Amino acid sequence: MVAANSRNRWVGAIGFALGMTAALGPAQAGSEFPTRPIRFIVPVAPGAGNDTTARAIGHKLTQAWGQQVIVDNRAGASGAIAFDLLVKAAPDGHTLLMAAASHPINTVALRTWPYDMAKDVTAVSQATSLPYVVYTHPSVPFTTFKDLLAYGRKYPGKLNYGTPGTASLQHLNWEMIGHTTGAKFTHVPYKGGAPAIQATIAGEMQFGFITLISLRPHLASGRARALAVTSRTRMPALPDLPTIAEAGIPGFEVNQW
């Protein structure tokens, strides 16, 4: 979430009123806050895990604060559009932003990224830590993560994967997987995880990473197939699904926040 003073903006990923009060400092914590509806900027399209989390937090904050928290989806430019709105907002604590792990990465990975996460914003707290699920369109000619890697080595660049954007956590980790294993895949950036998964279940992409929150209904309907998880240990919700470490890359672990 976000509050601001005359020197910087506070960006966080959690929506507890107590944490927010502590973050605002003595001057604002002692005053009536909020005095009007809160704008909660989300840097991805509706339906992605980040969006779902923000809406759940916003609902709880609306109850706690007695002021409506309005989720405002501003996808695009790897999150820069949303951050631009935040930085230009009045520094009175009534504009918040749901940051993600990809945004600190942008500071060093994208030359065009206009904001310094170490200087322009300050993290307040963490809301979630979620592993990804490796998923595919049901039509692909393999059913395991090992076979995915083998296909990427045999037919370099033939398989396409969608991500929420260039230099996103998903993008960089697929590049790392390719570098580590010799498999080559083609990256296609989208404006959030939801458009990427929609393209995959439509057959435009062949595979990708996504959180279980976003993937679960598509697994249940048979429109997507799960191959592995990125956590260190198997997920209790998918106990039969191997980790990537088990399935071919020892020591691999990635969690989104």
C-alpha atoms as a PDB file:
ATOM      1  CA  MET A   1       0.000   0.000   0.000  1.00  0.00           C
ATOM      2  CA  VAL A   2       1.026   3.605  -0.325  1.00  0.00           C
ATOM      3  CA  ALA A   3       1.226   6.721   1.786  1.00  0.00           C
ATOM      4  CA  ALA A   4       3.396   9.742   1.171  1.00  0.00           C
ATOM      5  CA  ASN A   5       5.139  12.622   2.850  1.00  0.00           C
ATOM      6  CA  SER A   6       6.992  15.613   1.408  1.00  0.00           C
ATOM      7  CA  ARG A   7      10.081  13.572   0.654  1.00  0.00           C
ATOM      8  CA  ASN A   8       8.918  10.229  -0.712  1.00  0.00           C
ATOM      9  CA  ARG A   9       6.089   7.806  -1.364  1.00  0.00           C
ATOM     10  CA  TRP A  10       5.583   4.688   0.649  1.00  0.00           C
ATOM     11  CA  VAL A  11       4.777   1.642  -1.401  1.00  0.00           C
ATOM     12  CA  GLY A  12       3.790  -1.641   0.131  1.00  0.00           C
ATOM     13  CA  ALA A  13       1.959  -4.800  -0.616  1.00  0.00           C
ATOM     14  CA  ILE A  14      -0.257  -5.197   2.400  1.00  0.00           C
ATOM     15  CA  GLY A  15      -3.521  -3.703   3.540  1.00  0.00           C
ATOM     16  CA  PHE A  16      -3.702  -3.845   7.296  1.00  0.00           C
ATOM     17  CA  ALA A  17      -4.923  -0.618   8.874  1.00  0.00           C
ATOM     18  CA  LEU A  18      -2.610  -1.045  11.857  1.00  0.00           C
ATOM     19  CA  GLY A  19       0.442  -1.313   9.614  1.00  0.00           C
ATOM     20  CA  MET A  20      -0.742   1.689   7.660  1.00  0.00           C
ATOM     21  CA  THR A  21      -1.126   3.790  10.803  1.00  0.00           C
ATOM     22  CA  ALA A  22       2.379   2.896  11.899  1.00  0.00           C
ATOM     23  CA  ALA A  23       3.751   3.725   8.461  1.00  0.00           C
ATOM     24  CA  LEU A  24       2.178   7.168   8.371  1.00  0.00           C
ATOM     25  CA  GLY A  25       4.202   8.431  11.300  1.00  0.00           C
ATOM     26  CA  PRO A  26       3.222  10.543  14.326  1.00  0.00           C
ATOM     27  CA  ALA A  27       1.813  13.528  12.428  1.00  0.00           C
ATOM     28  CA  GLN A  28      -0.632  11.613  10.258  1.00  0.00           C
ATOM     29  CA  ALA A  29      -1.286   8.720  12.639  1.00  0.00           C
ATOM     30  CA  GLY A  30      -2.754  11.094  15.208  1.00  0.00           C
ATOM     31  CA  SER A  31      -5.093  12.759  12.731  1.00  0.00           C
ATOM     32  CA  GLU A  32      -8.269  11.461  11.160  1.00  0.00           C
ATOM     33  CA  PHE A  33      -7.319   9.158   8.305  1.00  0.00           C
ATOM     34  CA  PRO A  34      -8.570   8.546   5.742  1.00  0.00           C
ATOM     35  CA  THR A  35     -10.790  11.544   5.120  1.00  0.00           C
ATOM     36  CA  ARG A  36     -12.011  10.424   1.692  1.00  0.00           C
ATOM     37  CA  PRO A  37     -11.998   7.288  -0.528  1.00  0.00           C
ATOM     38  CA  ILE A  38      -8.626   5.626  -1.144  1.00  0.00           C
ATOM     39  CA  ARG A  39      -7.275   5.030  -4.636  1.00  0.00           C
ATOM     40  CA  PHE A  40      -5.508   1.646  -4.769  1.00  0.00           C
ATOM     41  CA  ILE A  41      -3.465   1.440  -7.987  1.00  0.00           C
ATOM     42  CA  VAL A  42      -2.786  -2.037  -9.363  1.00  0.00           C
ATOM     43  CA  PRO A  43      -0.146  -2.254 -12.144  1.00  0.00           C
ATOM     44  CA  VAL A  44      -1.709  -5.266 -13.924  1.00  0.00           C
ATOM     45  CA  ALA A  45      -4.938  -6.091 -15.730  1.00  0.00           C
ATOM     46  CA  PRO A  46      -7.964  -7.374 -13.779  1.00  0.00           C
ATOM     47  CA  GLY A  47      -7.896 -11.069 -12.936  1.00  0.00           C
ATOM     48  CA  ALA A  48      -4.187 -11.499 -12.206  1.00  0.00           C
ATOM     49  CA  GLY A  49      -2.923 -12.630  -8.806  1.00  0.00           C
ATOM     50  CA  ASN A  50      -1.749  -9.121  -7.917  1.00  0.00           C
ATOM     51  CA  ASP A  51      -5.209  -7.769  -8.746  1.00  0.00           C
ATOM     52  CA  THR A  52      -7.015 -10.482  -6.769  1.00  0.00           C
ATOM     53  CA  THR A  53      -4.836  -9.806  -3.734  1.00  0.00           C
ATOM     54  CA  ALA A  54      -5.358  -6.051  -3.968  1.00  0.00           C
ATOM     55  CA  ARG A  55      -9.130  -6.458  -4.135  1.00  0.00           C
ATOM     56  CA  ALA A  56      -9.150  -8.705  -1.061  1.00  0.00           C
ATOM     57  CA  ILE A  57      -7.004  -6.194   0.842  1.00  0.00           C
ATOM     58  CA  GLY A  58      -9.103  -3.283  -0.378  1.00  0.00           C
ATOM     59  CA  HIS A  59     -12.270  -4.967   0.873  1.00  0.00           C
ATOM     60  CA  LYS A  60     -10.783  -5.412   4.359  1.00  0.00           C
ATOM     61  CA  LEU A  61      -9.479  -1.847   4.442  1.00  0.00           C
ATOM     62  CA  THR A  62     -12.879  -0.501   3.434  1.00  0.00           C
ATOM     63  CA  GLN A  63     -14.341  -2.299   6.438  1.00  0.00           C
ATOM     64  CA  ALA A  64     -11.563  -1.157   8.781  1.00  0.00           C
ATOM     65  CA  TRP A  65     -11.397   2.476   7.710  1.00  0.00           C
ATOM     66  CA  GLY A  66     -15.016   3.207   6.878  1.00  0.00           C
ATOM     67  CA  GLN A  67     -13.912   4.716   3.572  1.00  0.00           C
ATOM     68  CA  GLN A  68     -14.147   2.974   0.217  1.00  0.00           C
ATOM     69  CA  VAL A  69     -10.908   1.635  -1.236  1.00  0.00           C
ATOM     70  CA  ILE A  70     -11.190   1.786  -5.031  1.00  0.00           C
ATOM     71  CA  VAL A  71      -8.974  -0.539  -7.061  1.00  0.00           C
ATOM     72  CA  ASP A  72      -7.648   1.212 -10.168  1.00  0.00           C
ATOM     73  CA  ASN A  73      -6.021  -1.141 -12.705  1.00  0.00           C
ATOM     74  CA  ARG A  74      -3.319   0.641 -14.714  1.00  0.00           C
ATOM     75  CA  ALA A  75      -1.447  -2.018 -16.653  1.00  0.00           C
ATOM     76  CA  GLY A  76       1.372  -1.472 -19.133  1.00  0.00           C
ATOM     77  CA  ALA A  77       5.016  -0.423 -19.485  1.00  0.00           C
ATOM     78  CA  SER A  78       6.109  -3.076 -16.957  1.00  0.00           C
ATOM     79  CA  GLY A  79       4.382  -1.134 -14.184  1.00  0.00           C
ATOM     80  CA  ALA A  80       5.751   2.329 -15.042  1.00  0.00           C
ATOM     81  CA  ILE A  81       2.284   3.702 -15.860  1.00  0.00           C
ATOM     82  CA  ALA A  82       1.025   2.809 -12.381  1.00  0.00           C
ATOM     83  CA  PHE A  83       4.146   4.135 -10.655  1.00  0.00           C
ATOM     84  CA  ASP A  84       3.920   7.388 -12.575  1.00  0.00           C
ATOM     85  CA  LEU A  85       0.398   7.931 -11.219  1.00  0.00           C
ATOM     86  CA  LEU A  86       1.611   7.170  -7.720  1.00  0.00           C
ATOM     87  CA  VAL A  87       4.593   9.495  -7.774  1.00  0.00           C
ATOM     88  CA  LYS A  88       2.482  12.354  -9.133  1.00  0.00           C
ATOM     89  CA  ALA A  89      -0.344  11.866  -6.621  1.00  0.00           C
ATOM     90  CA  ALA A  90      -0.888  14.234  -3.692  1.00  0.00           C
ATOM     91  CA  PRO A  91       1.352  13.110  -0.792  1.00  0.00           C
ATOM     92  CA  ASP A  92      -1.487  12.677   1.684  1.00  0.00           C
ATOM     93  CA  GLY A  93      -1.742   8.904   2.021  1.00  0.00           C
ATOM     94  CA  HIS A  94      -4.907   8.544  -0.045  1.00  0.00           C
ATOM     95  CA  THR A  95      -3.192   6.931  -3.050  1.00  0.00           C
ATOM     96  CA  LEU A  96      -1.840   3.399  -2.614  1.00  0.00           C
ATOM     97  CA  LEU A  97      -0.082   0.979  -4.941  1.00  0.00           C
ATOM     98  CA  MET A  98       0.184  -2.790  -4.973  1.00  0.00           C
ATOM     99  CA  ALA A  99       3.826  -3.448  -5.757  1.00  0.00           C
ATOM    100  CA  ALA A 100       5.241  -6.797  -6.863  1.00  0.00           C
ATOM    101  CA  ALA A 101       8.621  -8.508  -7.003  1.00  0.00           C
ATOM    102  CA  SER A 102       9.071  -7.478 -10.626  1.00  0.00           C
ATOM    103  CA  HIS A 103       9.188  -3.757  -9.812  1.00  0.00           C
ATOM    104  CA  PRO A 104      12.489  -3.678  -7.874  1.00  0.00           C
ATOM    105  CA  ILE A 105      13.931  -5.798 -10.689  1.00  0.00           C
ATOM    106  CA  ASN A 106      12.859  -3.159 -13.217  1.00  0.00           C
ATOM    107  CA  THR A 107      15.124  -0.613 -11.536  1.00  0.00           C
ATOM    108  CA  VAL A 108      18.221  -2.545 -12.622  1.00  0.00           C
ATOM    109  CA  ALA A 109      16.935  -4.567 -15.603  1.00  0.00           C
ATOM    110  CA  LEU A 110      15.237  -1.861 -17.672  1.00  0.00           C
ATOM    111  CA  ARG A 111      17.207   1.169 -18.777  1.00  0.00           C
ATOM    112  CA  THR A 112      13.963   2.997 -19.526  1.00  0.00           C
ATOM    113  CA  TRP A 113      12.456   2.373 -16.068  1.00  0.00           C
ATOM    114  CA  PRO A 114      11.964   5.925 -14.732  1.00  0.00           C
ATOM    115  CA  TYR A 115      11.913   5.323 -10.978  1.00  0.00           C
ATOM    116  CA  ASP A 116      14.477   4.225  -8.414  1.00  0.00           C
ATOM    117  CA  MET A 117      12.814   1.817  -6.000  1.00  0.00           C
ATOM    118  CA  ALA A 118      15.483   2.566  -3.396  1.00  0.00           C
ATOM    119  CA  LYS A 119      14.947   6.332  -3.527  1.00  0.00           C
ATOM    120  CA  ASP A 120      11.508   7.168  -4.912  1.00  0.00           C
ATOM    121  CA  VAL A 121       9.496   4.694  -2.845  1.00  0.00           C
ATOM    122  CA  THR A 122       9.831   2.772   0.410  1.00  0.00           C
ATOM    123  CA  ALA A 123       8.381  -0.672   1.050  1.00  0.00           C
ATOM    124  CA  VAL A 124       5.943  -0.853   3.955  1.00  0.00           C
ATOM    125  CA  SER A 125       5.259  -4.579   4.235  1.00  0.00           C
ATOM    126  CA  GLN A 126       4.736  -7.803   2.338  1.00  0.00           C
ATOM    127  CA  ALA A 127       1.252  -9.165   1.624  1.00  0.00           C
ATOM    128  CA  THR A 128       1.902 -12.573   0.099  1.00  0.00           C
ATOM    129  CA  SER A 129       4.546 -15.037  -1.013  1.00  0.00           C
ATOM    130  CA  LEU A 130       3.271 -17.343  -3.743  1.00  0.00           C
ATOM    131  CA  PRO A 131       5.040 -19.932  -5.867  1.00  0.00           C
ATOM    132  CA  TYR A 132       4.255 -20.232  -9.551  1.00  0.00           C
ATOM    133  CA  VAL A 133       2.805 -23.197 -11.366  1.00  0.00           C
ATOM    134  CA  VAL A 134       4.283 -24.198 -14.733  1.00  0.00           C
ATOM    135  CA  TYR A 135       1.279 -24.721 -16.979  1.00  0.00           C
ATOM    136  CA  THR A 136       0.659 -25.522 -20.635  1.00  0.00           C
ATOM    137  CA  HIS A 137      -2.102 -25.564 -23.188  1.00  0.00           C
ATOM    138  CA  PRO A 138      -3.556 -29.106 -23.295  1.00  0.00           C
ATOM    139  CA  SER A 139      -2.598 -29.516 -26.951  1.00  0.00           C
ATOM    140  CA  VAL A 140       1.173 -29.439 -26.398  1.00  0.00           C
ATOM    141  CA  PRO A 141       2.905 -32.781 -27.085  1.00  0.00           C
ATOM    142  CA  PHE A 142       4.331 -33.299 -23.582  1.00  0.00           C
ATOM    143  CA  THR A 143       3.027 -33.773 -20.046  1.00  0.00           C
ATOM    144  CA  THR A 144       6.085 -33.248 -17.815  1.00  0.00           C
ATOM    145  CA  PHE A 145       8.521 -30.435 -17.112  1.00  0.00           C
ATOM    146  CA  LYS A 146      11.433 -32.601 -18.243  1.00  0.00           C
ATOM    147  CA  ASP A 147       9.716 -33.120 -21.588  1.00  0.00           C
ATOM    148  CA  LEU A 148       9.144 -29.350 -21.872  1.00  0.00           C
ATOM    149  CA  LEU A 149      12.877 -28.778 -21.514  1.00  0.00           C
ATOM    150  CA  ALA A 150      13.670 -31.568 -23.971  1.00  0.00           C
ATOM    151  CA  TYR A 151      11.282 -30.051 -26.522  1.00  0.00           C
ATOM    152  CA  GLY A 152      12.869 -26.625 -26.053  1.00  0.00           C
ATOM    153  CA  ARG A 153      16.290 -28.111 -26.784  1.00  0.00           C
ATOM    154  CA  LYS A 154      15.152 -30.131 -29.795  1.00  0.00           C
ATOM    155  CA  TYR A 155      13.055 -27.313 -31.310  1.00  0.00           C
ATOM    156  CA  PRO A 156      14.672 -24.071 -30.133  1.00  0.00           C
ATOM    157  CA  GLY A 157      12.363 -21.070 -30.174  1.00  0.00           C
ATOM    158  CA  LYS A 158       9.299 -22.977 -31.383  1.00  0.00           C
ATOM    159  CA  LEU A 159       7.419 -22.791 -28.070  1.00  0.00           C
ATOM    160  CA  ASN A 160       6.026 -19.420 -26.991  1.00  0.00           C
ATOM    161  CA  TYR A 161       5.412 -18.348 -23.409  1.00  0.00           C
ATOM    162  CA  GLY A 162       3.516 -15.305 -22.162  1.00  0.00           C
ATOM    163  CA  THR A 163       4.419 -13.147 -19.166  1.00  0.00           C
ATOM    164  CA  PRO A 164       3.142  -9.939 -17.511  1.00  0.00           C
ATOM    165  CA  GLY A 165       5.898  -8.001 -19.259  1.00  0.00           C
ATOM    166  CA  THR A 166       9.550  -7.652 -20.197  1.00  0.00           C
ATOM    167  CA  ALA A 167      11.890  -8.108 -17.210  1.00  0.00           C
ATOM    168  CA  SER A 168       9.026  -9.463 -15.093  1.00  0.00           C
ATOM    169  CA  LEU A 169       9.898 -12.175 -12.602  1.00  0.00           C
ATOM    170  CA  GLN A 170       8.357 -14.782 -14.914  1.00  0.00           C
ATOM    171  CA  HIS A 171      10.327 -13.542 -17.924  1.00  0.00           C
ATOM    172  CA  LEU A 172      13.687 -13.505 -16.150  1.00  0.00           C
ATOM    173  CA  ASN A 173      13.175 -16.933 -14.653  1.00  0.00           C
ATOM    174  CA  TRP A 174      12.267 -18.523 -17.977  1.00  0.00           C
ATOM    175  CA  GLU A 175      15.420 -16.942 -19.407  1.00  0.00           C
ATOM    176  CA  MET A 176      17.393 -18.394 -16.496  1.00  0.00           C
ATOM    177  CA  ILE A 177      15.834 -21.819 -17.058  1.00  0.00           C
ATOM    178  CA  GLY A 178      16.777 -21.650 -20.730  1.00  0.00           C
ATOM    179  CA  HIS A 179      20.330 -20.554 -19.933  1.00  0.00           C
ATOM    180  CA  THR A 180      20.719 -23.324 -17.347  1.00  0.00           C
ATOM    181  CA  THR A 181      19.287 -26.164 -19.410  1.00  0.00           C
ATOM    182  CA  GLY A 182      20.053 -25.192 -23.007  1.00  0.00           C
ATOM    183  CA  ALA A 183      16.343 -25.032 -23.900  1.00  0.00           C
ATOM    184  CA  LYS A 184      15.259 -22.031 -25.981  1.00  0.00           C
ATOM    185  CA  PHE A 185      11.802 -20.495 -25.861  1.00  0.00           C
ATOM    186  CA  THR A 186      10.206 -17.370 -27.336  1.00  0.00           C
ATOM    187  CA  HIS A 187       9.014 -14.673 -24.939  1.00  0.00           C
ATOM    188  CA  VAL A 188       5.777 -12.724 -25.568  1.00  0.00           C
ATOM    189  CA  PRO A 189       5.032  -9.909 -23.065  1.00  0.00           C
ATOM    190  CA  TYR A 190       1.477  -9.011 -22.046  1.00  0.00           C
ATOM    191  CA  LYS A 191      -0.060  -6.325 -19.812  1.00  0.00           C
ATOM    192  CA  GLY A 192      -0.391  -8.607 -16.820  1.00  0.00           C
ATOM    193  CA  GLY A 193      -0.705 -12.244 -15.888  1.00  0.00           C
ATOM    194  CA  ALA A 194      -4.419 -12.466 -16.742  1.00  0.00           C
ATOM    195  CA  PRO A 195      -3.987 -11.616 -20.464  1.00  0.00           C
ATOM    196  CA  ALA A 196      -1.041 -14.023 -20.628  1.00  0.00           C
ATOM    197  CA  ILE A 197      -3.034 -16.935 -19.254  1.00  0.00           C
ATOM    198  CA  GLN A 198      -5.997 -16.095 -21.494  1.00  0.00           C
ATOM    199  CA  ALA A 199      -3.672 -16.240 -24.514  1.00  0.00           C
ATOM    200  CA  THR A 200      -2.341 -19.592 -23.344  1.00  0.00           C
ATOM    201  CA  ILE A 201      -5.684 -21.269 -22.792  1.00  0.00           C
ATOM    202  CA  ALA A 202      -6.744 -19.884 -26.187  1.00  0.00           C
ATOM    203  CA  GLY A 203      -3.765 -21.664 -27.787  1.00  0.00           C
ATOM    204  CA  GLU A 204      -1.877 -18.511 -28.785  1.00  0.00           C
ATOM    205  CA  MET A 205       0.888 -19.355 -26.281  1.00  0.00           C
ATOM    206  CA  GLN A 206       2.036 -22.840 -25.333  1.00  0.00           C
ATOM    207  CA  PHE A 207       3.125 -22.497 -21.693  1.00  0.00           C
ATOM    208  CA  GLY A 208       4.000 -20.144 -18.864  1.00  0.00           C
ATOM    209  CA  PHE A 209       4.219 -19.413 -15.144  1.00  0.00           C
ATOM    210  CA  ILE A 210       1.175 -18.306 -13.168  1.00  0.00           C
ATOM    211  CA  THR A 211      -0.006 -18.409  -9.563  1.00  0.00           C
ATOM    212  CA  LEU A 212      -2.434 -21.101  -8.488  1.00  0.00           C
ATOM    213  CA  ILE A 213      -5.004 -18.403  -7.640  1.00  0.00           C
ATOM    214  CA  SER A 214      -5.224 -17.472 -11.314  1.00  0.00           C
ATOM    215  CA  LEU A 215      -4.745 -20.978 -12.708  1.00  0.00           C
ATOM    216  CA  ARG A 216      -7.100 -23.057 -10.564  1.00  0.00           C
ATOM    217  CA  PRO A 217     -10.345 -22.538 -12.573  1.00  0.00           C
ATOM    218  CA  HIS A 218      -8.562 -23.384 -15.826  1.00  0.00           C
ATOM    219  CA  LEU A 219      -7.129 -26.589 -14.356  1.00  0.00           C
ATOM    220  CA  ALA A 220     -10.599 -27.562 -13.166  1.00  0.00           C
ATOM    221  CA  SER A 221     -12.104 -26.945 -16.609  1.00  0.00           C
ATOM    222  CA  GLY A 222      -9.350 -28.826 -18.430  1.00  0.00           C
ATOM    223  CA  ARG A 223      -8.247 -25.760 -20.399  1.00  0.00           C
ATOM    224  CA  ALA A 224      -4.770 -25.840 -18.847  1.00  0.00           C
ATOM    225  CA  ARG A 225      -2.372 -28.544 -17.698  1.00  0.00           C
ATOM    226  CA  ALA A 226       0.015 -28.178 -14.746  1.00  0.00           C
ATOM    227  CA  LEU A 227       3.552 -29.572 -15.008  1.00  0.00           C
ATOM    228  CA  ALA A 228       5.483 -28.394 -11.947  1.00  0.00           C
ATOM    229  CA  VAL A 229       5.703 -25.789  -9.199  1.00  0.00           C
ATOM    230  CA  THR A 230       8.474 -23.291  -8.466  1.00  0.00           C
ATOM    231  CA  SER A 231       8.445 -23.633  -4.673  1.00  0.00           C
ATOM    232  CA  ARG A 232      11.167 -25.397  -2.696  1.00  0.00           C
ATOM    233  CA  THR A 233       8.735 -28.120  -1.610  1.00  0.00           C
ATOM    234  CA  ARG A 234       5.539 -29.432  -3.153  1.00  0.00           C
ATOM    235  CA  MET A 235       2.389 -27.369  -2.705  1.00  0.00           C
ATOM    236  CA  PRO A 236      -0.191 -28.871  -0.325  1.00  0.00           C
ATOM    237  CA  ALA A 237      -2.929 -27.922  -2.808  1.00  0.00           C
ATOM    238  CA  LEU A 238      -1.164 -29.861  -5.598  1.00  0.00           C
ATOM    239  CA  PRO A 239       0.701 -32.636  -3.767  1.00  0.00           C
ATOM    240  CA  ASP A 240       1.187 -34.803  -6.857  1.00  0.00           C
ATOM    241  CA  LEU A 241       2.872 -32.028  -8.820  1.00  0.00           C
ATOM    242  CA  PRO A 242       6.713 -32.087  -8.633  1.00  0.00           C
ATOM    243  CA  THR A 243       8.854 -29.062  -7.947  1.00  0.00           C
ATOM    244  CA  ILE A 244      11.118 -27.785 -10.710  1.00  0.00           C
ATOM    245  CA  ALA A 245      14.027 -28.842  -8.499  1.00  0.00           C
ATOM    246  CA  GLU A 246      12.706 -32.409  -8.536  1.00  0.00           C
ATOM    247  CA  ALA A 247      11.873 -32.276 -12.232  1.00  0.00           C
ATOM    248  CA  GLY A 248      15.222 -31.249 -13.656  1.00  0.00           C
ATOM    249  CA  ILE A 249      16.877 -28.162 -12.102  1.00  0.00           C
ATOM    250  CA  PRO A 250      18.263 -28.917  -8.615  1.00  0.00           C
ATOM    251  CA  GLY A 251      18.074 -26.000  -6.193  1.00  0.00           C
ATOM    252  CA  PHE A 252      15.547 -24.029  -8.247  1.00  0.00           C
ATOM    253  CA  GLU A 253      13.064 -21.964  -6.221  1.00  0.00           C
ATOM    254  CA  VAL A 254      11.043 -18.851  -7.121  1.00  0.00           C
ATOM    255  CA  ASN A 255       8.267 -17.156  -5.182  1.00  0.00           C
ATOM    256  CA  GLN A 256       6.249 -14.129  -6.260  1.00  0.00           C
ATOM    257  CA  TRP A 257       5.311 -11.422  -3.754  1.00  0.00           C
END
